[in-house]
Protein backbone atom coordinates (compact mmCIF):
# COMPACT_ATOMS: atom_id res chain seq x y z
CA MET A 1 94.18 124.59 133.95
CA SER A 2 94.68 122.55 137.04
CA THR A 3 97.22 119.61 137.58
CA ASP A 4 97.03 116.92 140.20
CA THR A 5 100.08 115.17 140.85
CA ARG A 6 98.52 112.40 142.28
CA ASP A 7 97.17 111.65 138.78
CA THR A 8 100.49 111.04 137.51
CA ASP A 9 100.80 107.57 136.04
CA ASP A 10 103.85 105.03 136.02
CA ASN A 11 104.50 106.36 132.38
CA GLY A 12 105.39 109.77 133.62
CA THR A 13 102.31 111.44 132.51
CA THR A 14 99.93 113.90 134.39
CA LYS A 15 96.37 114.28 133.94
CA ILE A 16 95.42 118.10 133.70
CA ASP A 17 91.95 119.57 133.26
CA VAL A 18 91.52 122.17 130.61
CA ARG A 19 88.43 124.08 129.93
CA VAL A 20 87.47 124.60 126.14
CA PRO A 21 84.55 126.22 124.61
CA LYS A 22 82.01 123.61 123.63
CA ARG A 23 82.37 124.47 119.95
CA LEU A 24 86.11 123.96 119.87
CA LEU A 25 85.65 120.59 121.61
CA GLU A 26 82.89 119.62 118.86
CA GLU A 27 85.76 120.42 116.41
CA ILE A 28 88.17 118.37 117.98
CA ASP A 29 86.00 115.52 118.30
CA GLU A 30 85.11 115.67 114.62
CA GLU A 31 88.69 116.17 113.52
CA TYR A 32 90.71 113.70 115.77
CA GLU A 33 89.26 110.64 114.14
CA ARG A 34 89.58 112.01 110.42
CA ARG A 35 93.25 112.55 111.21
CA GLY A 36 93.72 108.72 112.47
CA TYR A 37 93.94 109.29 116.07
CA THR A 38 92.84 106.96 118.57
CA SER A 39 91.64 109.57 121.10
CA ARG A 40 90.78 113.06 121.89
CA SER A 41 93.73 113.04 124.42
CA GLU A 42 96.14 111.58 121.72
CA ALA A 43 95.25 114.39 119.38
CA ILE A 44 95.45 117.04 121.97
CA ARG A 45 98.91 115.70 123.12
CA ASP A 46 100.17 115.98 119.37
CA ALA A 47 99.01 119.65 119.09
CA LEU A 48 100.67 120.44 122.32
CA ARG A 49 103.92 119.26 120.75
CA ASP A 50 103.87 121.00 117.73
CA TRP A 51 103.01 124.34 119.71
CA THR A 52 106.10 123.48 121.89
CA ASP A 53 108.40 122.38 119.03
CA PRO A 54 106.67 123.75 115.71
CA PRO A 55 107.21 121.68 112.65
CA THR A 56 109.76 123.11 110.19
CA ARG A 57 107.73 125.32 107.66
CA LEU A 58 108.98 126.09 103.82
CA SER A 59 109.22 129.78 102.94
CA GLU A 60 106.95 131.12 100.42
CA GLU A 61 110.38 131.84 98.25
CA THR A 62 111.11 127.92 98.43
CA LEU A 63 107.38 126.85 98.12
CA GLU A 64 107.46 129.30 94.70
CA ALA A 65 110.83 127.56 93.50
CA LEU A 66 109.27 124.30 94.02
CA GLU A 67 106.24 125.26 92.17
CA LYS A 68 108.28 126.24 89.17
CA SER A 69 110.60 123.19 89.26
CA ARG A 70 107.34 121.12 89.20
CA GLU A 71 105.94 123.17 85.91
CA GLN A 72 109.37 122.52 84.49
CA ARG A 73 109.43 118.95 85.08
CA GLU A 74 105.86 118.54 83.42
CA GLN A 75 107.00 120.62 80.50
CA ASP A 76 110.12 118.44 79.82
CA GLU A 77 112.23 121.45 80.46
CA THR A 78 114.48 119.81 83.18
CA GLN A 79 117.79 117.69 82.71
CA SER A 80 118.84 114.36 84.52
CA ALA A 81 121.95 114.84 87.01
CA ASP A 82 123.53 112.16 85.09
CA ASP A 83 122.98 114.22 81.61
CA VAL A 84 124.53 117.24 83.20
CA ARG A 85 127.48 115.76 84.43
CA GLU A 86 128.11 113.92 81.40
CA ARG A 87 127.84 117.35 79.54
CA LEU A 88 130.20 118.97 81.89
CA GLY A 89 132.65 116.13 81.83
CA LEU A 90 132.18 115.50 85.54
CA ASP A 91 132.66 112.25 87.21
CA ASP A 92 130.88 111.00 89.86
């Protein structure tokens, strides 16, 4: 990868050259429009942001608890917070 400070624009962005395998570039080109990006550069910048500041991931335990909660809701095995407060005699 190379950078050229002469390629820095007024917005503070710098052009870099990166070599990628042809097949990877084809996948990027197929994917960026599907995901709603307006350009290859925009998609790659977003991917680099995720790499340097990864999004929060839910643990397997949390995902399992959410699935169980969803199943309980679908089977009408849940109660509203208001119903529970009333049953326990709690005020807001």
